[in-house]
Amino acid sequence: MIQNLDDQIMFYLFGYPVNATLFYTWITMMVLTILAMWISSNLQSNKRPSRLQVLAEMLVVTLNQQIHEVSNDVPHKYISLISTFFLFIATSNILGIIPWFDPPTASLSTTAAFAFVVFCAIPYYGIKNAGIKGYFKKFIDPTPVMLPLNIISDFSSTFALAFRLYGNMLSGIVIVTVLMMLAPFVIPIPLQLLGLLTGTIQAYIFALLAIVYVSAVAPQEVLINNDTKGE
């Protein structure tokens, strides 16, 4: 039987319980911090870059391209938020191949926190792009009758991210657990490789949907340019 990560008490810190979700989140953050320090300490601009630097640059370029294609806007606005989502989710899922490590993304607390950040980022970027008037105008577009539905849409679409990621990760853990009980010496290796692929895909999907939501209200200059091109 799989126990909820939030119910697994790992240890007590200053008298407060630290559950498995926090514990594995801290490990993921520590791994990302160490990797970032390692890569940034050996950056080369005049000499031939290392393979690790090339990999990091490819990742940044790919994320920038994806953000630009989806948002039709300059990617530097969103790169810090979107790359954090992608790297954290992908890293925690990849670390899941370690037998004792339970990905924090399999906890509803983690995915709900991500969805809440996206929910707060939507008005932030919307107002930043189009101003207060332009942002709130979207709620009565195309007609004021749509106001309640547009408000509900903002809530439901963003928090659906939490349940989508949580459901996908938890179902994967359940399937792996069951199959390992049935064939513990045959199944693990193929499933671990499949887990690496699906974990990366889940990180990509979450980041992609986050881009769609936070860039829903385009800057006025982008709208004007698009109208000009259409003419």
Protein backbone atom coordinates (compact mmCIF):
# COMPACT_ATOMS: atom_id res chain seq x y z
CA MET A 1 0.00 0.00 0.00
CA ILE A 2 1.37 3.42 -1.03
CA GLN A 3 1.34 5.99 1.73
CA ASN A 4 0.71 9.66 1.03
CA LEU A 5 3.99 11.58 1.05
CA ASP A 6 2.43 14.26 3.25
CA ASP A 7 1.69 11.62 5.90
CA GLN A 8 5.24 10.20 5.98
CA ILE A 9 7.15 11.94 8.78
CA MET A 10 10.87 11.76 7.98
CA PHE A 11 12.24 13.59 11.05
CA TYR A 12 11.58 16.52 13.39
CA LEU A 13 13.31 19.88 12.92
CA PHE A 14 13.19 22.24 15.90
CA GLY A 15 10.22 20.25 17.17
CA TYR A 16 8.29 20.50 13.89
CA PRO A 17 7.65 17.41 11.75
CA VAL A 18 9.23 17.30 8.29
CA ASN A 19 7.20 15.09 5.98
CA ALA A 20 8.41 13.23 2.91
CA THR A 21 7.18 15.92 0.52
CA LEU A 22 9.37 18.59 2.13
CA PHE A 23 12.32 16.22 2.53
CA TYR A 24 12.42 15.15 -1.12
CA THR A 25 11.72 18.72 -2.26
CA TRP A 26 14.78 19.90 -0.34
CA ILE A 27 16.87 17.16 -1.93
CA THR A 28 15.71 18.18 -5.41
CA MET A 29 16.49 21.83 -4.66
CA MET A 30 19.93 20.87 -3.34
CA VAL A 31 20.72 18.85 -6.48
CA LEU A 32 19.64 21.74 -8.72
CA THR A 33 21.68 24.23 -6.68
CA ILE A 34 24.82 22.09 -6.85
CA LEU A 35 24.41 21.58 -10.60
CA ALA A 36 23.88 25.31 -11.16
CA MET A 37 27.00 26.19 -9.15
CA TRP A 38 29.03 23.53 -10.95
CA ILE A 39 27.97 24.63 -14.44
CA SER A 40 28.29 28.38 -13.77
CA SER A 41 31.76 28.00 -12.23
CA ASN A 42 33.21 26.59 -15.47
CA LEU A 43 31.58 28.78 -18.09
CA GLN A 44 33.81 29.55 -21.09
CA SER A 45 33.26 32.22 -23.74
CA ASN A 46 36.64 32.37 -25.47
CA LYS A 47 37.64 28.72 -25.23
CA ARG A 48 35.91 25.55 -26.32
CA PRO A 49 32.99 25.00 -23.91
CA SER A 50 32.61 21.79 -21.97
CA ARG A 51 29.96 19.24 -22.84
CA LEU A 52 28.03 20.21 -19.75
CA GLN A 53 28.01 23.87 -20.78
CA VAL A 54 26.87 22.92 -24.29
CA LEU A 55 24.04 20.87 -22.79
CA ALA A 56 23.01 23.77 -20.54
CA GLU A 57 23.09 26.22 -23.45
CA MET A 58 21.01 23.87 -25.59
CA LEU A 59 18.44 23.65 -22.81
CA VAL A 60 18.24 27.44 -22.45
CA VAL A 61 17.98 27.98 -26.21
CA THR A 62 15.27 25.32 -26.53
CA LEU A 63 13.23 26.80 -23.68
CA ASN A 64 13.57 30.29 -25.18
CA GLN A 65 12.37 29.02 -28.56
CA GLN A 66 9.41 27.20 -27.05
CA ILE A 67 8.38 30.23 -24.99
CA HIS A 68 8.62 32.51 -28.03
CA GLU A 69 6.64 30.14 -30.25
CA VAL A 70 3.84 29.68 -27.72
CA SER A 71 3.59 33.22 -26.33
CA ASN A 72 4.59 35.13 -29.48
CA ASP A 73 6.44 37.43 -27.10
CA VAL A 74 10.01 38.01 -25.95
CA PRO A 75 11.00 34.94 -23.90
CA HIS A 76 13.09 36.71 -21.26
CA LYS A 77 9.89 37.77 -19.47
CA TYR A 78 8.90 34.20 -18.70
CA ILE A 79 12.13 32.20 -18.85
CA SER A 80 12.90 32.30 -15.11
CA LEU A 81 9.45 31.04 -14.10
CA ILE A 82 9.02 28.46 -16.86
CA SER A 83 12.56 27.07 -16.63
CA THR A 84 12.18 26.69 -12.85
CA PHE A 85 9.03 24.64 -13.34
CA PHE A 86 10.61 22.48 -16.03
CA LEU A 87 13.91 21.87 -14.25
CA PHE A 88 12.36 21.11 -10.87
CA ILE A 89 9.73 18.72 -12.23
CA ALA A 90 12.15 16.99 -14.60
CA THR A 91 14.87 16.65 -11.95
CA SER A 92 12.53 15.30 -9.28
CA ASN A 93 11.11 12.80 -11.76
CA ILE A 94 14.57 11.72 -12.92
CA LEU A 95 15.69 11.28 -9.32
CA GLY A 96 12.74 8.92 -8.99
CA ILE A 97 14.89 6.16 -10.50
CA ILE A 98 16.69 6.03 -7.15
CA PRO A 99 14.88 3.27 -5.21
CA TRP A 100 14.40 5.21 -1.96
CA PHE A 101 13.52 8.54 -3.60
CA ASP A 102 9.84 9.47 -3.95
CA PRO A 103 9.33 12.38 -6.39
CA PRO A 104 7.69 15.33 -4.60
CA THR A 105 5.62 15.86 -7.76
CA ALA A 106 3.66 12.77 -6.67
CA SER A 107 2.27 14.86 -3.81
CA LEU A 108 -0.80 17.04 -4.31
CA SER A 109 0.76 19.65 -2.01
CA THR A 110 3.61 20.22 -4.48
CA THR A 111 1.49 20.29 -7.63
CA ALA A 112 -1.10 22.54 -5.96
CA ALA A 113 1.69 24.95 -4.98
CA PHE A 114 2.88 25.04 -8.60
CA ALA A 115 -0.66 25.70 -9.81
CA PHE A 116 -1.06 28.50 -7.26
CA VAL A 117 2.13 30.15 -8.54
CA VAL A 118 0.78 29.96 -12.10
CA PHE A 119 -2.56 31.37 -10.89
CA CYS A 120 -0.77 34.36 -9.31
CA ALA A 121 1.47 34.79 -12.36
CA ILE A 122 -1.49 35.14 -14.74
CA PRO A 123 -2.64 38.59 -13.48
CA TYR A 124 0.97 39.66 -12.87
CA TYR A 125 2.04 39.11 -16.46
CA GLY A 126 -1.37 40.14 -17.80
CA ILE A 127 -1.18 43.55 -16.12
CA LYS A 128 2.50 43.87 -16.99
CA ASN A 129 1.75 43.21 -20.66
CA ALA A 130 -1.51 45.06 -21.23
CA GLY A 131 -2.03 47.25 -18.17
CA ILE A 132 -4.82 46.94 -15.61
CA LYS A 133 -7.55 47.98 -18.06
CA GLY A 134 -6.31 45.69 -20.79
CA TYR A 135 -6.04 42.72 -18.44
CA PHE A 136 -9.52 43.01 -16.95
CA LYS A 137 -10.96 43.59 -20.40
CA LYS A 138 -10.35 39.91 -21.17
CA PHE A 139 -13.02 38.91 -18.65
CA ILE A 140 -15.76 40.63 -20.67
CA ASP A 141 -14.45 39.48 -24.04
CA PRO A 142 -16.29 38.95 -26.38
CA THR A 143 -19.34 40.00 -24.33
CA PRO A 144 -19.95 40.98 -20.67
CA VAL A 145 -22.23 37.96 -20.36
CA MET A 146 -19.08 35.81 -20.38
CA LEU A 147 -17.71 37.43 -17.19
CA PRO A 148 -18.65 34.59 -14.77
CA LEU A 149 -17.47 31.90 -17.18
CA ASN A 150 -14.15 33.66 -17.83
CA ILE A 151 -13.50 33.99 -14.10
CA ILE A 152 -14.31 30.31 -13.52
CA SER A 153 -12.09 29.41 -16.47
CA ASP A 154 -9.08 31.09 -14.88
CA PHE A 155 -9.59 29.15 -11.65
CA SER A 156 -10.37 25.78 -13.17
CA SER A 157 -7.76 25.74 -15.92
CA THR A 158 -4.83 26.62 -13.67
CA PHE A 159 -5.71 24.32 -10.80
CA ALA A 160 -6.38 21.53 -13.28
CA LEU A 161 -2.60 21.65 -13.73
CA ALA A 162 -2.19 20.43 -10.17
CA PHE A 163 -4.45 17.41 -10.54
CA ARG A 164 -3.09 16.55 -14.00
CA LEU A 165 0.54 16.40 -12.87
CA TYR A 166 -0.35 14.76 -9.55
CA GLY A 167 -2.49 12.10 -11.21
CA ASN A 168 0.09 11.28 -13.86
CA MET A 169 2.95 10.96 -11.39
CA LEU A 170 1.00 9.02 -8.78
CA SER A 171 -0.39 6.59 -11.35
CA GLY A 172 3.12 5.94 -12.64
CA ILE A 173 4.35 5.13 -9.14
CA VAL A 174 1.42 2.79 -8.53
CA ILE A 175 2.00 0.92 -11.82
CA VAL A 176 5.73 0.54 -11.16
CA THR A 177 5.07 -0.71 -7.63
CA VAL A 178 2.56 -3.32 -8.78
CA LEU A 179 4.74 -4.57 -11.65
CA MET A 180 7.82 -4.80 -9.44
CA MET A 181 5.85 -6.95 -7.02
CA LEU A 182 4.90 -9.27 -9.89
CA ALA A 183 8.31 -9.43 -11.59
CA PRO A 184 10.94 -7.74 -9.40
CA PHE A 185 13.97 -8.96 -11.41
CA VAL A 186 12.70 -8.39 -14.96
CA ILE A 187 10.59 -5.22 -14.95
CA PRO A 188 12.69 -2.57 -13.08
CA ILE A 189 15.23 -1.55 -15.76
CA PRO A 190 12.77 -1.01 -18.68
CA LEU A 191 10.37 0.78 -16.35
CA GLN A 192 13.08 3.06 -15.03
CA LEU A 193 14.01 4.05 -18.59
CA LEU A 194 10.35 4.64 -19.40
CA GLY A 195 10.04 6.68 -16.21
CA LEU A 196 12.86 8.97 -17.35
CA LEU A 197 11.05 9.62 -20.62
CA THR A 198 7.59 10.14 -19.14
CA GLY A 199 8.96 12.31 -16.32
CA THR A 200 10.60 14.65 -18.83
CA ILE A 201 7.43 14.73 -20.93
CA GLN A 202 5.33 15.63 -17.88
CA ALA A 203 7.74 18.48 -17.05
CA TYR A 204 7.51 19.73 -20.64
CA ILE A 205 3.70 19.59 -20.69
CA PHE A 206 3.39 21.46 -17.39
CA ALA A 207 5.83 24.15 -18.53
CA LEU A 208 4.07 24.44 -21.89
CA LEU A 209 0.64 24.89 -20.30
CA ALA A 210 2.07 27.39 -17.84
CA ILE A 211 3.36 29.46 -20.78
CA VAL A 212 -0.08 29.37 -22.40
CA TYR A 213 -1.79 30.63 -19.25
CA VAL A 214 0.65 33.34 -18.14
CA SER A 215 1.03 34.78 -21.65
CA ALA A 216 -2.69 34.69 -22.47
CA VAL A 217 -2.88 38.50 -22.40
CA ALA A 218 -0.43 39.68 -25.05
CA PRO A 219 1.32 43.08 -24.96
CA GLN A 220 -0.37 45.79 -27.00
CA GLU A 221 2.61 46.14 -29.35
CA VAL A 222 2.41 42.42 -30.19
CA LEU A 223 -1.29 42.73 -30.98
CA ILE A 224 -0.64 45.76 -33.19
CA ASN A 225 2.17 43.99 -35.05
CA ASN A 226 -0.02 40.94 -35.62
CA ASP A 227 -2.84 43.10 -36.95
CA THR A 228 -0.39 44.87 -39.26
CA LYS A 229 0.90 41.55 -40.61
CA GLY A 230 -2.67 40.38 -41.19
CA GLU A 231 -3.36 43.41 -43.31
